[in-house]
C-alpha atoms as a PDB file:
ATOM      1  CA  MET A   1      35.200 -83.590 163.684  1.00  0.00           C
ATOM      2  CA  SER A   2      38.043 -85.091 161.654  1.00  0.00           C
ATOM      3  CA  ARG A   3      36.039 -88.289 161.222  1.00  0.00           C
ATOM      4  CA  SER A   4      32.741 -86.662 160.359  1.00  0.00           C
ATOM      5  CA  ARG A   5      30.855 -87.907 157.336  1.00  0.00           C
ATOM      6  CA  LYS A   6      28.132 -86.575 155.062  1.00  0.00           C
ATOM      7  CA  SER A   7      24.660 -87.710 155.979  1.00  0.00           C
ATOM      8  CA  ASN A   8      23.462 -87.662 152.349  1.00  0.00           C
ATOM      9  CA  PRO A   9      26.081 -88.682 149.771  1.00  0.00           C
ATOM     10  CA  VAL A  10      25.697 -86.605 146.592  1.00  0.00           C
ATOM     11  CA  ASP A  11      27.646 -86.970 143.343  1.00  0.00           C
ATOM     12  CA  SER A  12      27.354 -85.640 139.796  1.00  0.00           C
ATOM     13  CA  ILE A  13      25.446 -87.627 137.192  1.00  0.00           C
ATOM     14  CA  VAL A  14      28.005 -87.367 134.366  1.00  0.00           C
ATOM     15  CA  ILE A  15      31.783 -87.390 134.115  1.00  0.00           C
ATOM     16  CA  ALA A  16      32.293 -83.608 134.414  1.00  0.00           C
ATOM     17  CA  ASP A  17      33.858 -82.700 137.760  1.00  0.00           C
ATOM     18  CA  SER A  18      32.864 -79.067 137.845  1.00  0.00           C
ATOM     19  CA  GLU A  19      30.722 -76.416 136.205  1.00  0.00           C
ATOM     20  CA  LYS A  20      33.267 -73.682 136.872  1.00  0.00           C
ATOM     21  CA  GLN A  21      34.221 -73.040 133.227  1.00  0.00           C
ATOM     22  CA  ASP A  22      30.572 -73.073 132.146  1.00  0.00           C
ATOM     23  CA  LYS A  23      29.668 -70.567 134.864  1.00  0.00           C
ATOM     24  CA  ARG A  24      32.561 -68.326 133.824  1.00  0.00           C
ATOM     25  CA  ARG A  25      31.459 -68.441 130.192  1.00  0.00           C
ATOM     26  CA  ALA A  26      27.831 -67.676 131.090  1.00  0.00           C
ATOM     27  CA  ASN A  27      28.735 -64.730 133.335  1.00  0.00           C
ATOM     28  CA  ARG A  28      31.091 -63.249 130.741  1.00  0.00           C
ATOM     29  CA  LYS A  29      28.325 -63.434 128.154  1.00  0.00           C
ATOM     30  CA  PHE A  30      25.861 -61.920 130.646  1.00  0.00           C
ATOM     31  CA  ARG A  31      28.147 -58.968 131.417  1.00  0.00           C
ATOM     32  CA  ARG A  32      28.970 -58.395 127.735  1.00  0.00           C
ATOM     33  CA  VAL A  33      25.287 -58.310 126.715  1.00  0.00           C
ATOM     34  CA  ASN A  34      24.284 -56.049 129.604  1.00  0.00           C
ATOM     35  CA  ARG A  35      27.164 -53.651 128.939  1.00  0.00           C
ATOM     36  CA  ARG A  36      25.964 -53.264 125.345  1.00  0.00           C
ATOM     37  CA  LEU A  37      22.305 -52.882 126.402  1.00  0.00           C
ATOM     38  CA  LEU A  38      23.239 -50.318 129.054  1.00  0.00           C
ATOM     39  CA  ARG A  39      24.935 -48.154 126.414  1.00  0.00           C
ATOM     40  CA  GLU A  40      22.066 -48.486 123.932  1.00  0.00           C
ATOM     41  CA  CYS A  41      18.870 -48.619 126.036  1.00  0.00           C
ATOM     42  CA  GLY A  42      19.793 -47.463 129.519  1.00  0.00           C
ATOM     43  CA  GLU A  43      18.856 -49.360 132.659  1.00  0.00           C
ATOM     44  CA  ASP A  44      15.417 -50.334 131.358  1.00  0.00           C
ATOM     45  CA  GLY A  45      16.702 -52.867 128.824  1.00  0.00           C
ATOM     46  CA  LEU A  46      18.927 -55.004 131.074  1.00  0.00           C
ATOM     47  CA  LYS A  47      18.601 -58.795 130.958  1.00  0.00           C
ATOM     48  CA  LEU A  48      18.785 -61.464 133.662  1.00  0.00           C
ATOM     49  CA  LEU A  49      21.354 -64.265 133.624  1.00  0.00           C
ATOM     50  CA  TYR A  50      18.887 -67.008 132.690  1.00  0.00           C
ATOM     51  CA  GLU A  51      17.657 -64.894 129.741  1.00  0.00           C
ATOM     52  CA  VAL A  52      21.160 -64.687 128.284  1.00  0.00           C
ATOM     53  CA  ALA A  53      22.782 -68.047 129.035  1.00  0.00           C
ATOM     54  CA  SER A  54      21.216 -71.485 129.204  1.00  0.00           C
ATOM     55  CA  ASN A  55      22.464 -74.019 131.740  1.00  0.00           C
ATOM     56  CA  TRP A  56      21.138 -76.824 129.532  1.00  0.00           C
ATOM     57  CA  ASP A  57      24.313 -76.477 127.438  1.00  0.00           C
ATOM     58  CA  TRP A  58      26.667 -77.110 130.362  1.00  0.00           C
ATOM     59  CA  ALA A  59      28.776 -80.243 130.726  1.00  0.00           C
ATOM     60  CA  LYS A  60      27.307 -81.442 134.012  1.00  0.00           C
ATOM     61  CA  ASP A  61      23.678 -82.536 134.206  1.00  0.00           C
ATOM     62  CA  GLY A  62      23.203 -81.944 137.907  1.00  0.00           C
ATOM     63  CA  SER A  63      23.710 -84.158 140.910  1.00  0.00           C
ATOM     64  CA  ARG A  64      22.075 -87.143 142.482  1.00  0.00           C
ATOM     65  CA  SER A  65      21.725 -88.565 145.961  1.00  0.00           C
ATOM     66  CA  TRP A  66      23.108 -92.094 146.414  1.00  0.00           C
ATOM     67  CA  HIS A  67      21.650 -94.168 149.224  1.00  0.00           C
ATOM     68  CA  SER A  68      23.034 -97.690 149.424  1.00  0.00           C
ATOM     69  CA  PRO A  69      26.442 -99.137 148.500  1.00  0.00           C
ATOM     70  CA  TYR A  70      24.891-102.562 148.107  1.00  0.00           C
ATOM     71  CA  VAL A  71      22.761-101.499 145.155  1.00  0.00           C
ATOM     72  CA  TYR A  72      25.711-100.172 143.157  1.00  0.00           C
ATOM     73  CA  GLY A  73      28.230-102.785 144.251  1.00  0.00           C
ATOM     74  CA  ASP A  74      31.282-100.551 144.775  1.00  0.00           C
ATOM     75  CA  LYS A  75      31.721 -99.948 148.505  1.00  0.00           C
ATOM     76  CA  ASP A  76      35.007 -98.029 148.103  1.00  0.00           C
ATOM     77  CA  TRP A  77      33.373 -95.540 145.759  1.00  0.00           C
ATOM     78  CA  PHE A  78      30.493 -95.114 148.199  1.00  0.00           C
ATOM     79  CA  LYS A  79      32.917 -94.454 151.091  1.00  0.00           C
ATOM     80  CA  LYS A  80      34.603 -91.790 148.963  1.00  0.00           C
ATOM     81  CA  LEU A  81      31.219 -90.085 148.474  1.00  0.00           C
ATOM     82  CA  LEU A  82      30.708 -89.923 152.224  1.00  0.00           C
ATOM     83  CA  ARG A  83      33.860 -87.851 152.764  1.00  0.00           C
ATOM     84  CA  LYS A  84      33.495 -84.117 153.183  1.00  0.00           C
END
């Protein structure tokens, strides 16, 4: 298993490595809003995460599947994508 490779190489579209800070910020905002609504309205007024925070504002725009190293020209980069 030490030489296993991914069957579908996937990489992010933009430079951002991770969405960790964006997810932290969104969940903190979500908890803060729901804490306030719980005090004021009770359990009936609670919001969902997507109603409070928008993932369109995050640094990373998603991921993409890359299929052939010959199209993009950089075989070393493609080999790096295949690592787990």
